[in-house]
């Protein structure tokens, strides 16, 4: 469902201390933006309305969190949920920040110096209408390889989705991008782990009888663990091989 434009969102976010107003200027200095910069740095990519990160961050002051989404009209809802969660916990909002940016271009926002220990991706857009749109998935290899630039070796990605096609494809995306899948389930709620936080989307899909799929993947060290080759590159390689084979065949004919 398309969300309505919220004319008040920009000004209200600009007035919030934990909203990052200029995300492009902090590359290499993200840890220093928190009250306790020595703590592990955790991301939620596609934080949406903030139901997940508000609960997680307020319950774990030992970590620093950054929630990212692309538009202010959902981020304003995350801002309000964070304020409510911290008020209920009786804690200051000092270990979480939110910002609006295009996650497909996140490599320009975070650098290898901004060491991230864990990434959460919850119910992202499956982009399943056609194969050409798959490249926009947050778990597409092009994206997973970008995350490697700032995710520490051994760092983990926690991924949840309701979409069967996205999950099936992601089971191939992660290993090809230099990650080891250490845990997976096709029904998260059958034996629900203690760490799971049910989001609004999760509750909605569960009520509809849709099983939630989830996995945990660990980043492997070394660029050699990345085996993914973009389809367009494979197509060019195949064409070059075909041209070489044709040229060789013509050469043999001429020699005969």
Protein backbone atom coordinates (compact mmCIF):
# COMPACT_ATOMS: atom_id res chain seq x y z
CA UNK A 1 0.00 0.00 0.00
CA UNK A 2 1.39 3.40 -1.06
CA UNK A 3 2.00 5.72 1.86
CA UNK A 4 0.73 9.29 1.78
CA UNK A 5 3.06 12.25 1.66
CA UNK A 6 3.57 13.65 5.15
CA UNK A 7 4.32 17.40 4.94
CA UNK A 8 5.37 17.53 8.60
CA UNK A 9 7.89 14.69 8.33
CA UNK A 10 10.94 16.68 7.21
CA UNK A 11 10.78 19.35 9.90
CA UNK A 12 10.02 16.85 12.65
CA UNK A 13 12.96 14.64 11.62
CA UNK A 14 15.29 17.64 11.40
CA UNK A 15 14.40 18.47 15.01
CA UNK A 16 15.31 14.98 16.25
CA UNK A 17 18.86 14.62 17.62
CA UNK A 18 19.03 10.98 16.59
CA UNK A 19 18.13 11.67 12.95
CA UNK A 20 21.19 11.95 10.68
CA UNK A 21 20.58 15.07 8.62
CA UNK A 22 23.59 14.74 6.27
CA UNK A 23 24.49 11.06 5.90
CA UNK A 24 27.05 11.58 3.12
CA UNK A 25 29.53 13.50 5.30
CA UNK A 26 30.13 10.87 8.01
CA UNK A 27 31.97 8.16 6.06
CA UNK A 28 34.78 6.77 8.23
CA UNK A 29 33.44 8.54 11.35
CA UNK A 30 30.18 6.77 12.14
CA UNK A 31 31.34 5.27 15.44
CA UNK A 32 32.16 8.74 16.76
CA UNK A 33 28.54 9.87 16.33
CA UNK A 34 27.47 7.80 19.35
CA UNK A 35 27.82 8.40 23.08
CA UNK A 36 29.79 5.14 23.41
CA UNK A 37 31.78 4.85 20.16
CA UNK A 38 33.61 1.72 21.29
CA UNK A 39 30.43 -0.38 21.15
CA UNK A 40 29.56 -2.74 18.26
CA UNK A 41 27.90 -0.98 15.33
CA UNK A 42 24.73 -2.65 13.95
CA UNK A 43 22.65 -1.74 10.88
CA UNK A 44 19.06 -2.36 9.87
CA UNK A 45 18.68 -1.93 6.12
CA UNK A 46 15.13 -0.97 5.22
CA UNK A 47 14.00 -0.13 8.75
CA UNK A 48 10.57 1.00 7.53
CA UNK A 49 8.23 2.13 10.28
CA UNK A 50 10.78 1.24 12.96
CA UNK A 51 8.94 -1.57 14.72
CA UNK A 52 12.04 -3.76 14.76
CA UNK A 53 14.86 -1.32 15.49
CA UNK A 54 12.91 0.53 18.17
CA UNK A 55 12.51 -2.68 20.17
CA UNK A 56 16.00 -4.00 19.49
CA UNK A 57 17.97 -0.84 20.22
CA UNK A 58 16.06 0.11 23.37
CA UNK A 59 16.63 -3.40 24.79
CA UNK A 60 20.37 -3.49 23.95
CA UNK A 61 22.21 -0.37 25.12
CA UNK A 62 25.48 -2.28 24.73
CA UNK A 63 25.29 -1.84 20.93
CA UNK A 64 25.00 1.18 18.64
CA UNK A 65 22.34 1.02 15.91
CA UNK A 66 21.66 2.75 12.62
CA UNK A 67 18.32 2.31 10.83
CA UNK A 68 18.21 3.20 7.14
CA UNK A 69 15.29 3.71 4.79
CA UNK A 70 14.83 5.63 1.58
CA UNK A 71 12.02 8.02 2.43
CA UNK A 72 11.06 10.42 5.20
CA UNK A 73 7.40 9.37 5.13
CA UNK A 74 8.26 6.03 6.73
CA UNK A 75 11.23 7.29 8.72
CA UNK A 76 8.99 9.70 10.62
CA UNK A 77 7.03 6.71 11.91
CA UNK A 78 10.30 5.02 12.96
CA UNK A 79 11.30 8.20 14.78
CA UNK A 80 8.08 8.19 16.81
CA UNK A 81 8.30 4.47 17.62
CA UNK A 82 11.87 4.90 18.82
CA UNK A 83 10.85 7.76 21.10
CA UNK A 84 7.99 5.69 22.54
CA UNK A 85 10.18 2.61 23.09
CA UNK A 86 12.91 4.53 24.90
CA UNK A 87 10.38 6.41 27.02
CA UNK A 88 8.86 3.08 28.06
CA UNK A 89 12.34 1.73 28.86
CA UNK A 90 13.22 4.86 30.84
CA UNK A 91 16.39 5.38 28.84
CA UNK A 92 17.86 8.26 26.84
CA UNK A 93 18.05 7.80 23.07
CA UNK A 94 21.82 7.55 22.90
CA UNK A 95 22.58 4.34 20.98
CA UNK A 96 20.36 4.56 17.89
CA UNK A 97 20.18 6.80 14.84
CA UNK A 98 18.04 6.81 11.71
CA UNK A 99 18.66 8.25 8.27
CA UNK A 100 17.23 8.43 4.77
CA UNK A 101 19.45 7.18 1.96
CA UNK A 102 19.44 4.88 -1.06
CA UNK A 103 20.72 1.52 0.20
CA UNK A 104 21.78 0.56 -3.32
CA UNK A 105 24.42 3.30 -2.99
CA UNK A 106 25.38 2.60 0.60
CA UNK A 107 29.05 2.13 -0.24
CA UNK A 108 29.27 5.91 -0.57
CA UNK A 109 27.83 6.38 2.92
CA UNK A 110 29.80 3.84 4.96
CA UNK A 111 33.48 3.00 4.53
CA UNK A 112 35.77 0.16 5.73
CA UNK A 113 36.62 2.34 8.74
CA UNK A 114 32.96 2.21 9.86
CA UNK A 115 33.28 -1.37 11.05
CA UNK A 116 29.84 -3.03 11.25
CA UNK A 117 29.36 -6.19 13.32
CA UNK A 118 25.87 -7.18 12.19
CA UNK A 119 23.26 -6.29 9.56
CA UNK A 120 19.52 -6.95 9.75
CA UNK A 121 17.38 -7.13 6.60
CA UNK A 122 13.69 -7.66 7.37
CA UNK A 123 10.97 -8.09 4.75
CA UNK A 124 12.63 -6.06 2.02
CA UNK A 125 10.99 -5.56 -1.36
CA UNK A 126 11.27 -8.94 -3.17
CA UNK A 127 11.43 -7.34 -6.63
CA UNK A 128 10.01 -10.53 -8.12
CA UNK A 129 7.99 -9.20 -11.07
CA UNK A 130 10.72 -10.09 -13.56
CA UNK A 131 14.35 -11.20 -13.61
CA UNK A 132 15.63 -7.76 -14.62
CA UNK A 133 14.30 -6.21 -11.40
CA UNK A 134 16.06 -8.73 -9.14
CA UNK A 135 19.18 -6.56 -9.12
CA UNK A 136 17.37 -4.15 -6.78
CA UNK A 137 16.99 -6.77 -4.04
CA UNK A 138 18.86 -5.97 -0.83
CA UNK A 139 20.24 -9.54 -0.88
CA UNK A 140 21.29 -9.48 -4.55
CA UNK A 141 25.01 -10.28 -4.85
CA UNK A 142 25.87 -6.78 -6.04
CA UNK A 143 24.48 -5.50 -2.72
CA UNK A 144 25.95 -8.26 -0.55
CA UNK A 145 29.37 -7.58 -2.04
CA UNK A 146 28.98 -3.87 -1.22
CA UNK A 147 28.24 -4.74 2.42
CA UNK A 148 31.52 -6.67 2.59
CA UNK A 149 33.39 -3.35 2.43
CA UNK A 150 32.31 -2.39 5.96
CA UNK A 151 31.04 -5.62 7.57
CA UNK A 152 33.82 -7.11 9.69
CA UNK A 153 35.17 -10.58 8.91
CA UNK A 154 32.91 -13.00 10.74
CA UNK A 155 30.17 -10.36 10.91
CA UNK A 156 26.64 -11.62 10.39
CA UNK A 157 23.61 -10.78 8.30
CA UNK A 158 20.19 -11.73 9.72
CA UNK A 159 17.62 -11.95 6.93
CA UNK A 160 13.84 -12.53 7.14
CA UNK A 161 11.24 -12.62 4.37
CA UNK A 162 7.77 -13.90 3.54
CA UNK A 163 8.65 -14.29 -0.16
CA UNK A 164 9.48 -17.83 -1.31
CA UNK A 165 11.26 -16.78 -4.51
CA UNK A 166 13.40 -14.18 -2.78
CA UNK A 167 14.43 -16.64 -0.07
CA UNK A 168 15.21 -19.41 -2.54
CA UNK A 169 17.35 -17.08 -4.63
CA UNK A 170 19.05 -15.63 -1.55
CA UNK A 171 20.21 -19.12 -0.56
CA UNK A 172 22.35 -18.91 -3.71
CA UNK A 173 23.19 -15.22 -3.47
CA UNK A 174 24.90 -15.39 -0.08
CA UNK A 175 27.45 -18.18 -0.80
CA UNK A 176 28.31 -16.63 -4.19
CA UNK A 177 28.99 -13.30 -2.45
CA UNK A 178 31.45 -14.63 0.11
CA UNK A 179 29.13 -15.56 2.99
CA UNK A 180 28.54 -18.85 4.78
CA UNK A 181 24.93 -19.59 5.68
CA UNK A 182 25.22 -20.82 9.27
CA UNK A 183 21.50 -21.20 9.99
CA UNK A 184 18.27 -21.20 8.00
CA UNK A 185 14.60 -22.06 8.37
CA UNK A 186 11.58 -22.19 6.10
CA UNK A 187 9.24 -21.67 9.06
CA UNK A 188 10.64 -19.24 11.62
CA UNK A 189 7.75 -19.64 14.03
CA UNK A 190 7.81 -23.43 14.16
CA UNK A 191 10.73 -23.33 16.60
CA UNK A 192 11.02 -19.59 17.09
CA UNK A 193 14.45 -18.50 18.37
CA UNK A 194 14.60 -16.29 21.43
CA UNK A 195 16.30 -13.48 19.49
CA UNK A 196 13.43 -13.00 17.05
CA UNK A 197 11.47 -9.77 17.25
CA UNK A 198 8.16 -9.96 15.43
CA UNK A 199 7.58 -6.97 13.20
CA UNK A 200 4.28 -5.55 11.95
CA UNK A 201 4.81 -7.21 8.58
CA UNK A 202 5.67 -10.49 10.27
CA UNK A 203 2.43 -10.48 12.22
CA UNK A 204 0.41 -9.59 9.14
CA UNK A 205 1.90 -12.37 7.01
CA UNK A 206 1.55 -14.90 9.83
CA UNK A 207 -2.17 -14.09 10.17
CA UNK A 208 -2.47 -14.74 6.42
CA UNK A 209 -0.95 -18.20 6.88
CA UNK A 210 2.31 -17.29 5.13
CA UNK A 211 5.39 -18.91 6.65
CA UNK A 212 8.32 -16.67 7.49
CA UNK A 213 11.67 -17.72 6.07
CA UNK A 214 14.93 -16.67 7.74
CA UNK A 215 18.68 -17.21 7.65
CA UNK A 216 21.91 -16.09 9.29
CA UNK A 217 24.96 -15.66 7.07
CA UNK A 218 28.55 -15.03 8.19
CA UNK A 219 31.01 -13.00 6.14
CA UNK A 220 34.02 -15.07 5.08
CA UNK A 221 37.42 -13.34 4.89
CA UNK A 222 39.18 -12.77 1.60
CA UNK A 223 38.05 -11.56 -1.81
CA UNK A 224 38.62 -15.04 -3.20
CA UNK A 225 35.48 -16.23 -1.40
CA UNK A 226 33.39 -14.12 -3.79
CA UNK A 227 32.51 -16.21 -6.85
CA UNK A 228 29.62 -14.19 -8.23
CA UNK A 229 29.82 -12.95 -11.83
CA UNK A 230 27.19 -10.50 -13.09
CA UNK A 231 24.89 -12.01 -15.76
CA UNK A 232 25.80 -9.28 -18.26
CA UNK A 233 29.49 -10.13 -17.78
CA UNK A 234 28.76 -13.83 -18.26
CA UNK A 235 26.87 -12.95 -21.45
CA UNK A 236 29.87 -11.01 -22.78
CA UNK A 237 32.22 -13.86 -21.84
CA UNK A 238 29.99 -16.38 -23.60
CA UNK A 239 29.83 -14.19 -26.70
CA UNK A 240 33.62 -13.80 -26.73
CA UNK A 241 34.06 -17.56 -26.41
CA UNK A 242 31.59 -18.11 -29.27
CA UNK A 243 33.43 -15.60 -31.45
CA UNK A 244 36.76 -17.28 -30.66
CA UNK A 245 35.35 -20.70 -31.49
CA UNK A 246 33.92 -19.41 -34.77
CA UNK A 247 37.22 -17.79 -35.70
CA UNK A 248 39.08 -21.01 -34.90
CA UNK A 249 36.63 -23.00 -37.03
CA UNK A 250 37.15 -20.61 -39.96
CA UNK A 251 40.89 -20.92 -39.57
CA UNK A 252 40.73 -24.71 -39.74
CA UNK A 253 38.56 -24.48 -42.88
CA UNK A 254 41.03 -22.16 -44.56
CA UNK A 255 43.95 -24.48 -43.76
CA UNK A 256 42.17 -27.53 -45.19
